[in-house]
């Protein structure tokens, strides 16, 4: 999930024209040695804090359907995590860095969530909103000064960006739909000693189960129609 958030952030920043103008977008730790090797304008989004949001933890399990509408697996609810990034701009002059950081700020504050078109992998499969908060005053994460101190670098203008993303639950395969019939035979016999024919269960309208009996393969019936939430019964 984390790398999918990285890809979506890169795509969102790239759409602002940064990459087209030759600005690199990286996710490296901006240490002193890393900064010394920079030779091109760069936007660095350093992920430095990951925390679960326990208030959004669910219970139970949801159903996963195949293309025909049959249940193929059951999945536990997703768990939500907050990913906090330290976003900085790197250039040869402070004025250029501020211009780049301003462009990044304008792009990120315009979006309250990562665009659906940029989501890939499990994020796209879940179809849930991936929230985005930029330069929020209530970011519950280590202070930027503490991060710079841990990296061994000098304090620099930066943006705090938080992404709230779901981690897909564990999926367990469900048993396949029943396609074989069941025949019940009793011990009662007729007067001539012949056994009483078995009583047929399932497969209404079938008079002869064939040489293999009801254990033979049968064509699957169409899956039942699933009602969407909010639909009323006729």
C-alpha atoms as a PDB file:
ATOM      1  CA  UNK A   1       0.000   0.000   0.000  1.00  0.00           C
ATOM      2  CA  UNK A   2       2.809   2.457   0.867  1.00  0.00           C
ATOM      3  CA  UNK A   3       4.438   2.222  -2.552  1.00  0.00           C
ATOM      4  CA  UNK A   4       1.019   2.736  -4.159  1.00  0.00           C
ATOM      5  CA  UNK A   5       0.600   5.974  -2.199  1.00  0.00           C
ATOM      6  CA  UNK A   6       4.077   7.027  -3.358  1.00  0.00           C
ATOM      7  CA  UNK A   7       3.104   6.417  -6.976  1.00  0.00           C
ATOM      8  CA  UNK A   8      -0.119   8.407  -6.595  1.00  0.00           C
ATOM      9  CA  UNK A   9       1.716  11.340  -4.986  1.00  0.00           C
ATOM     10  CA  UNK A  10       4.322  11.273  -7.735  1.00  0.00           C
ATOM     11  CA  UNK A  11       1.561  11.281 -10.348  1.00  0.00           C
ATOM     12  CA  UNK A  12      -0.275  14.176  -8.684  1.00  0.00           C
ATOM     13  CA  UNK A  13       2.859  16.304  -8.454  1.00  0.00           C
ATOM     14  CA  UNK A  14       3.867  15.334 -11.970  1.00  0.00           C
ATOM     15  CA  UNK A  15       0.549  16.612 -13.331  1.00  0.00           C
ATOM     16  CA  UNK A  16       1.434  20.073 -12.006  1.00  0.00           C
ATOM     17  CA  UNK A  17       4.188  20.326 -14.649  1.00  0.00           C
ATOM     18  CA  UNK A  18       7.157  19.741 -12.353  1.00  0.00           C
ATOM     19  CA  UNK A  19       8.551  16.718 -14.190  1.00  0.00           C
ATOM     20  CA  UNK A  20       7.921  18.366 -17.563  1.00  0.00           C
ATOM     21  CA  UNK A  21      10.142  21.261 -16.466  1.00  0.00           C
ATOM     22  CA  UNK A  22      12.989  18.936 -15.491  1.00  0.00           C
ATOM     23  CA  UNK A  23      12.315  18.771 -11.735  1.00  0.00           C
ATOM     24  CA  UNK A  24      12.977  15.391 -10.139  1.00  0.00           C
ATOM     25  CA  UNK A  25      10.470  13.928  -7.678  1.00  0.00           C
ATOM     26  CA  UNK A  26      12.101  11.540  -5.219  1.00  0.00           C
ATOM     27  CA  UNK A  27      11.292   9.876  -1.906  1.00  0.00           C
ATOM     28  CA  UNK A  28      14.803   9.726  -0.440  1.00  0.00           C
ATOM     29  CA  UNK A  29      15.794  10.725   3.075  1.00  0.00           C
ATOM     30  CA  UNK A  30      17.224  14.280   2.746  1.00  0.00           C
ATOM     31  CA  UNK A  31      20.408  13.681   4.720  1.00  0.00           C
ATOM     32  CA  UNK A  32      23.451  15.947   4.550  1.00  0.00           C
ATOM     33  CA  UNK A  33      25.283  13.555   2.193  1.00  0.00           C
ATOM     34  CA  UNK A  34      22.228  13.234  -0.037  1.00  0.00           C
ATOM     35  CA  UNK A  35      21.879  17.017  -0.278  1.00  0.00           C
ATOM     36  CA  UNK A  36      25.546  17.370  -1.263  1.00  0.00           C
ATOM     37  CA  UNK A  37      24.974  15.101  -4.279  1.00  0.00           C
ATOM     38  CA  UNK A  38      22.024  17.072  -5.642  1.00  0.00           C
ATOM     39  CA  UNK A  39      22.824  18.643  -9.028  1.00  0.00           C
ATOM     40  CA  UNK A  40      19.303  19.270 -10.373  1.00  0.00           C
ATOM     41  CA  UNK A  41      16.098  20.888  -9.073  1.00  0.00           C
ATOM     42  CA  UNK A  42      14.368  18.296  -6.875  1.00  0.00           C
ATOM     43  CA  UNK A  43      11.194  17.808  -4.876  1.00  0.00           C
ATOM     44  CA  UNK A  44      11.762  15.353  -2.039  1.00  0.00           C
ATOM     45  CA  UNK A  45       8.800  13.686  -0.287  1.00  0.00           C
ATOM     46  CA  UNK A  46      10.328  11.858   2.670  1.00  0.00           C
ATOM     47  CA  UNK A  47       8.020   9.427   4.489  1.00  0.00           C
ATOM     48  CA  UNK A  48       8.969   9.621   8.158  1.00  0.00           C
ATOM     49  CA  UNK A  49       5.920   8.544  10.165  1.00  0.00           C
ATOM     50  CA  UNK A  50       3.365   5.725   9.830  1.00  0.00           C
ATOM     51  CA  UNK A  51       0.533   5.299  12.324  1.00  0.00           C
ATOM     52  CA  UNK A  52      -2.686   3.315  12.395  1.00  0.00           C
ATOM     53  CA  UNK A  53      -5.981   5.114  12.941  1.00  0.00           C
ATOM     54  CA  UNK A  54      -7.681   2.794  15.482  1.00  0.00           C
ATOM     55  CA  UNK A  55     -10.943   4.741  15.330  1.00  0.00           C
ATOM     56  CA  UNK A  56     -11.551   3.369  11.810  1.00  0.00           C
ATOM     57  CA  UNK A  57     -10.843  -0.274  12.568  1.00  0.00           C
ATOM     58  CA  UNK A  58     -13.805  -2.459  11.587  1.00  0.00           C
ATOM     59  CA  UNK A  59     -14.910  -6.000  12.275  1.00  0.00           C
ATOM     60  CA  UNK A  60     -16.515  -8.862  10.415  1.00  0.00           C
ATOM     61  CA  UNK A  61     -15.714  -9.842   6.843  1.00  0.00           C
ATOM     62  CA  UNK A  62     -16.814  -8.749   3.395  1.00  0.00           C
ATOM     63  CA  UNK A  63     -17.494 -10.924   0.367  1.00  0.00           C
ATOM     64  CA  UNK A  64     -15.373 -10.957  -2.799  1.00  0.00           C
ATOM     65  CA  UNK A  65     -17.204 -11.822  -6.022  1.00  0.00           C
ATOM     66  CA  UNK A  66     -15.961 -13.148  -9.347  1.00  0.00           C
ATOM     67  CA  UNK A  67     -17.004 -11.889 -12.763  1.00  0.00           C
ATOM     68  CA  UNK A  68     -20.095 -14.148 -12.705  1.00  0.00           C
ATOM     69  CA  UNK A  69     -21.281 -12.810  -9.370  1.00  0.00           C
ATOM     70  CA  UNK A  70     -20.322 -15.792  -7.212  1.00  0.00           C
ATOM     71  CA  UNK A  71     -18.621 -15.447  -3.837  1.00  0.00           C
ATOM     72  CA  UNK A  72     -15.005 -16.600  -4.198  1.00  0.00           C
ATOM     73  CA  UNK A  73     -13.464 -15.254  -0.985  1.00  0.00           C
ATOM     74  CA  UNK A  74     -14.160 -13.422   2.249  1.00  0.00           C
ATOM     75  CA  UNK A  75     -11.933 -10.541   3.301  1.00  0.00           C
ATOM     76  CA  UNK A  76     -11.442  -8.893   6.672  1.00  0.00           C
ATOM     77  CA  UNK A  77     -12.074  -5.120   6.780  1.00  0.00           C
ATOM     78  CA  UNK A  78      -9.235  -2.825   5.706  1.00  0.00           C
ATOM     79  CA  UNK A  79      -7.160  -1.118   8.361  1.00  0.00           C
ATOM     80  CA  UNK A  80      -6.445   2.575   7.956  1.00  0.00           C
ATOM     81  CA  UNK A  81      -3.009   4.134   8.318  1.00  0.00           C
ATOM     82  CA  UNK A  82      -1.769   7.713   8.355  1.00  0.00           C
ATOM     83  CA  UNK A  83       1.391   8.283   6.301  1.00  0.00           C
ATOM     84  CA  UNK A  84       3.181  11.576   7.017  1.00  0.00           C
ATOM     85  CA  UNK A  85       5.636  13.042   4.521  1.00  0.00           C
ATOM     86  CA  UNK A  86       8.168  15.850   4.835  1.00  0.00           C
ATOM     87  CA  UNK A  87       8.113  17.615   1.453  1.00  0.00           C
ATOM     88  CA  UNK A  88      11.032  19.879   0.565  1.00  0.00           C
ATOM     89  CA  UNK A  89      12.358  21.651  -2.522  1.00  0.00           C
ATOM     90  CA  UNK A  90      16.015  21.635  -3.529  1.00  0.00           C
ATOM     91  CA  UNK A  91      17.614  24.035  -5.989  1.00  0.00           C
ATOM     92  CA  UNK A  92      20.701  26.223  -6.325  1.00  0.00           C
ATOM     93  CA  UNK A  93      19.011  29.340  -4.906  1.00  0.00           C
ATOM     94  CA  UNK A  94      16.496  29.816  -2.062  1.00  0.00           C
ATOM     95  CA  UNK A  95      14.232  31.791  -4.413  1.00  0.00           C
ATOM     96  CA  UNK A  96      13.992  28.825  -6.767  1.00  0.00           C
ATOM     97  CA  UNK A  97      13.287  26.480  -3.876  1.00  0.00           C
ATOM     98  CA  UNK A  98      10.479  28.707  -2.655  1.00  0.00           C
ATOM     99  CA  UNK A  99       8.989  28.861  -6.144  1.00  0.00           C
ATOM    100  CA  UNK A 100       9.009  25.063  -6.405  1.00  0.00           C
ATOM    101  CA  UNK A 101       7.577  24.664  -2.912  1.00  0.00           C
ATOM    102  CA  UNK A 102       4.826  27.151  -3.758  1.00  0.00           C
ATOM    103  CA  UNK A 103       3.932  25.138  -6.855  1.00  0.00           C
ATOM    104  CA  UNK A 104       3.783  21.954  -4.779  1.00  0.00           C
ATOM    105  CA  UNK A 105       1.638  23.658  -2.137  1.00  0.00           C
ATOM    106  CA  UNK A 106      -0.840  24.950  -4.718  1.00  0.00           C
ATOM    107  CA  UNK A 107      -1.161  21.460  -6.211  1.00  0.00           C
ATOM    108  CA  UNK A 108      -1.640  19.571  -2.958  1.00  0.00           C
ATOM    109  CA  UNK A 109      -4.036  21.942  -1.166  1.00  0.00           C
ATOM    110  CA  UNK A 110      -6.339  21.800  -4.193  1.00  0.00           C
ATOM    111  CA  UNK A 111      -6.914  18.089  -3.545  1.00  0.00           C
ATOM    112  CA  UNK A 112      -8.620  16.728  -0.442  1.00  0.00           C
ATOM    113  CA  UNK A 113      -7.943  13.174  -1.610  1.00  0.00           C
ATOM    114  CA  UNK A 114      -5.635  11.422  -4.032  1.00  0.00           C
ATOM    115  CA  UNK A 115      -7.434  11.305  -7.403  1.00  0.00           C
ATOM    116  CA  UNK A 116      -9.012   7.952  -8.157  1.00  0.00           C
ATOM    117  CA  UNK A 117      -7.390   7.880 -11.603  1.00  0.00           C
ATOM    118  CA  UNK A 118      -3.944   7.805  -9.954  1.00  0.00           C
ATOM    119  CA  UNK A 119      -4.649   4.903  -7.588  1.00  0.00           C
ATOM    120  CA  UNK A 120      -3.173   1.520  -8.470  1.00  0.00           C
ATOM    121  CA  UNK A 121      -2.996  -1.975  -7.020  1.00  0.00           C
ATOM    122  CA  UNK A 122      -4.901  -2.603  -3.804  1.00  0.00           C
ATOM    123  CA  UNK A 123      -5.907   1.057  -3.452  1.00  0.00           C
ATOM    124  CA  UNK A 124      -7.697   0.931  -6.796  1.00  0.00           C
ATOM    125  CA  UNK A 125      -9.220  -2.466  -6.010  1.00  0.00           C
ATOM    126  CA  UNK A 126     -10.702  -1.345  -2.689  1.00  0.00           C
ATOM    127  CA  UNK A 127     -12.271   1.736  -4.262  1.00  0.00           C
ATOM    128  CA  UNK A 128     -12.040   3.761  -1.031  1.00  0.00           C
ATOM    129  CA  UNK A 129     -11.192   7.452  -0.663  1.00  0.00           C
ATOM    130  CA  UNK A 130      -7.531   8.071   0.148  1.00  0.00           C
ATOM    131  CA  UNK A 131      -7.550  11.326   2.106  1.00  0.00           C
ATOM    132  CA  UNK A 132      -4.905  14.009   1.686  1.00  0.00           C
ATOM    133  CA  UNK A 133      -4.060  16.800   4.142  1.00  0.00           C
ATOM    134  CA  UNK A 134      -1.363  19.382   3.465  1.00  0.00           C
ATOM    135  CA  UNK A 135       0.301  21.695   5.994  1.00  0.00           C
ATOM    136  CA  UNK A 136      -2.357  20.917   8.585  1.00  0.00           C
ATOM    137  CA  UNK A 137      -2.002  22.504  12.003  1.00  0.00           C
ATOM    138  CA  UNK A 138      -2.983  19.309  13.828  1.00  0.00           C
ATOM    139  CA  UNK A 139      -0.534  16.860  12.307  1.00  0.00           C
ATOM    140  CA  UNK A 140       0.112  14.399  15.134  1.00  0.00           C
ATOM    141  CA  UNK A 141       3.648  13.470  14.119  1.00  0.00           C
ATOM    142  CA  UNK A 142       7.237  14.309  15.123  1.00  0.00           C
ATOM    143  CA  UNK A 143       8.099  17.981  14.658  1.00  0.00           C
ATOM    144  CA  UNK A 144      10.010  18.946  11.536  1.00  0.00           C
ATOM    145  CA  UNK A 145      12.923  20.167  13.650  1.00  0.00           C
ATOM    146  CA  UNK A 146      13.206  16.735  15.274  1.00  0.00           C
ATOM    147  CA  UNK A 147      13.205  15.078  11.869  1.00  0.00           C
ATOM    148  CA  UNK A 148      15.968  17.348  10.575  1.00  0.00           C
ATOM    149  CA  UNK A 149      17.993  16.714  13.721  1.00  0.00           C
ATOM    150  CA  UNK A 150      17.667  12.953  13.253  1.00  0.00           C
ATOM    151  CA  UNK A 151      18.710  13.263   9.596  1.00  0.00           C
ATOM    152  CA  UNK A 152      21.785  15.294  10.516  1.00  0.00           C
ATOM    153  CA  UNK A 153      20.837  18.189   8.244  1.00  0.00           C
ATOM    154  CA  UNK A 154      20.027  21.855   8.633  1.00  0.00           C
ATOM    155  CA  UNK A 155      16.475  23.060   9.180  1.00  0.00           C
ATOM    156  CA  UNK A 156      14.781  23.862   5.876  1.00  0.00           C
ATOM    157  CA  UNK A 157      11.382  25.121   4.751  1.00  0.00           C
ATOM    158  CA  UNK A 158       9.086  22.115   4.323  1.00  0.00           C
ATOM    159  CA  UNK A 159       5.472  20.997   3.993  1.00  0.00           C
ATOM    160  CA  UNK A 160       3.874  18.377   6.210  1.00  0.00           C
ATOM    161  CA  UNK A 161       1.672  16.105   4.092  1.00  0.00           C
ATOM    162  CA  UNK A 162      -0.515  13.386   5.588  1.00  0.00           C
ATOM    163  CA  UNK A 163      -2.204  10.624   3.599  1.00  0.00           C
ATOM    164  CA  UNK A 164      -4.909   8.403   5.130  1.00  0.00           C
ATOM    165  CA  UNK A 165      -4.855   5.150   3.216  1.00  0.00           C
ATOM    166  CA  UNK A 166      -6.454   1.715   3.694  1.00  0.00           C
ATOM    167  CA  UNK A 167      -4.446  -1.481   3.946  1.00  0.00           C
ATOM    168  CA  UNK A 168      -6.417  -4.328   2.356  1.00  0.00           C
ATOM    169  CA  UNK A 169      -7.588  -7.027   4.739  1.00  0.00           C
ATOM    170  CA  UNK A 170      -6.707 -10.699   4.569  1.00  0.00           C
ATOM    171  CA  UNK A 171      -8.712 -12.643   1.970  1.00  0.00           C
ATOM    172  CA  UNK A 172      -9.598 -16.293   2.548  1.00  0.00           C
ATOM    173  CA  UNK A 173     -10.932 -18.413  -0.297  1.00  0.00           C
ATOM    174  CA  UNK A 174     -14.565 -19.452   0.026  1.00  0.00           C
ATOM    175  CA  UNK A 175     -15.880 -22.905  -0.809  1.00  0.00           C
ATOM    176  CA  UNK A 176     -17.058 -23.205  -4.428  1.00  0.00           C
ATOM    177  CA  UNK A 177     -20.815 -23.082  -5.105  1.00  0.00           C
ATOM    178  CA  UNK A 178     -22.648 -26.393  -4.818  1.00  0.00           C
ATOM    179  CA  UNK A 179     -23.177 -27.930  -8.253  1.00  0.00           C
ATOM    180  CA  UNK A 180     -23.820 -31.559  -7.284  1.00  0.00           C
ATOM    181  CA  UNK A 181     -27.157 -32.979  -6.230  1.00  0.00           C
ATOM    182  CA  UNK A 182     -28.010 -35.200  -3.280  1.00  0.00           C
ATOM    183  CA  UNK A 183     -29.942 -38.476  -3.303  1.00  0.00           C
ATOM    184  CA  UNK A 184     -31.384 -39.970  -0.112  1.00  0.00           C
ATOM    185  CA  UNK A 185     -32.081 -43.723  -0.096  1.00  0.00           C
ATOM    186  CA  UNK A 186     -33.917 -45.524   2.693  1.00  0.00           C
ATOM    187  CA  UNK A 187     -33.948 -49.181   3.732  1.00  0.00           C
ATOM    188  CA  UNK A 188     -37.610 -49.732   2.871  1.00  0.00           C
ATOM    189  CA  UNK A 189     -38.269 -52.331   0.172  1.00  0.00           C
ATOM    190  CA  UNK A 190     -41.278 -53.134  -1.952  1.00  0.00           C
ATOM    191  CA  UNK A 191     -43.204 -56.387  -1.844  1.00  0.00           C
ATOM    192  CA  UNK A 192     -41.086 -57.972  -4.619  1.00  0.00           C
ATOM    193  CA  UNK A 193     -37.879 -57.085  -2.838  1.00  0.00           C
ATOM    194  CA  UNK A 194     -36.882 -54.171  -5.046  1.00  0.00           C
ATOM    195  CA  UNK A 195     -35.479 -51.176  -3.173  1.00  0.00           C
ATOM    196  CA  UNK A 196     -37.516 -48.020  -3.033  1.00  0.00           C
ATOM    197  CA  UNK A 197     -36.049 -45.419  -5.470  1.00  0.00           C
ATOM    198  CA  UNK A 198     -34.044 -42.697  -3.842  1.00  0.00           C
ATOM    199  CA  UNK A 199     -35.764 -39.452  -3.047  1.00  0.00           C
ATOM    200  CA  UNK A 200     -34.312 -36.671  -5.149  1.00  0.00           C
ATOM    201  CA  UNK A 201     -33.234 -33.377  -3.546  1.00  0.00           C
ATOM    202  CA  UNK A 202     -32.356 -30.293  -5.608  1.00  0.00           C
ATOM    203  CA  UNK A 203     -32.446 -30.015  -9.412  1.00  0.00           C
ATOM    204  CA  UNK A 204     -36.165 -29.517  -9.767  1.00  0.00           C
ATOM    205  CA  UNK A 205     -37.564 -30.882 -13.017  1.00  0.00           C
ATOM    206  CA  UNK A 206     -34.815 -33.467 -13.521  1.00  0.00           C
ATOM    207  CA  UNK A 207     -36.331 -36.947 -13.835  1.00  0.00           C
ATOM    208  CA  UNK A 208     -33.244 -38.955 -14.785  1.00  0.00           C
ATOM    209  CA  UNK A 209     -29.915 -38.119 -13.166  1.00  0.00           C
ATOM    210  CA  UNK A 210     -28.012 -40.126 -15.797  1.00  0.00           C
ATOM    211  CA  UNK A 211     -25.428 -42.904 -15.377  1.00  0.00           C
ATOM    212  CA  UNK A 212     -23.332 -40.882 -12.954  1.00  0.00           C
ATOM    213  CA  UNK A 213     -26.318 -40.015 -10.793  1.00  0.00           C
ATOM    214  CA  UNK A 214     -26.483 -36.648  -9.165  1.00  0.00           C
ATOM    215  CA  UNK A 215     -22.770 -36.789  -8.408  1.00  0.00           C
ATOM    216  CA  UNK A 216     -22.046 -35.892 -12.024  1.00  0.00           C
ATOM    217  CA  UNK A 217     -21.063 -32.317 -12.932  1.00  0.00           C
ATOM    218  CA  UNK A 218     -23.881 -29.866 -13.407  1.00  0.00           C
ATOM    219  CA  UNK A 219     -24.116 -26.499 -15.073  1.00  0.00           C
ATOM    220  CA  UNK A 220     -23.962 -23.637 -12.593  1.00  0.00           C
ATOM    221  CA  UNK A 221     -27.104 -21.615 -12.211  1.00  0.00           C
ATOM    222  CA  UNK A 222     -26.884 -17.843 -12.565  1.00  0.00           C
ATOM    223  CA  UNK A 223     -25.721 -16.122  -9.402  1.00  0.00           C
ATOM    224  CA  UNK A 224     -28.463 -14.458  -7.351  1.00  0.00           C
ATOM    225  CA  UNK A 225     -28.954 -10.768  -7.986  1.00  0.00           C
ATOM    226  CA  UNK A 226     -27.295  -8.666  -5.298  1.00  0.00           C
ATOM    227  CA  UNK A 227     -29.176  -5.640  -4.043  1.00  0.00           C
ATOM    228  CA  UNK A 228     -27.184  -2.493  -3.572  1.00  0.00           C
ATOM    229  CA  UNK A 229     -27.330  -0.667  -0.284  1.00  0.00           C
ATOM    230  CA  UNK A 230     -30.303   1.643  -0.222  1.00  0.00           C
ATOM    231  CA  UNK A 231     -32.303  -0.278  -2.867  1.00  0.00           C
ATOM    232  CA  UNK A 232     -35.879  -1.043  -1.916  1.00  0.00           C
ATOM    233  CA  UNK A 233     -37.564  -4.334  -2.448  1.00  0.00           C
ATOM    234  CA  UNK A 234     -40.330  -4.243  -5.062  1.00  0.00           C
END
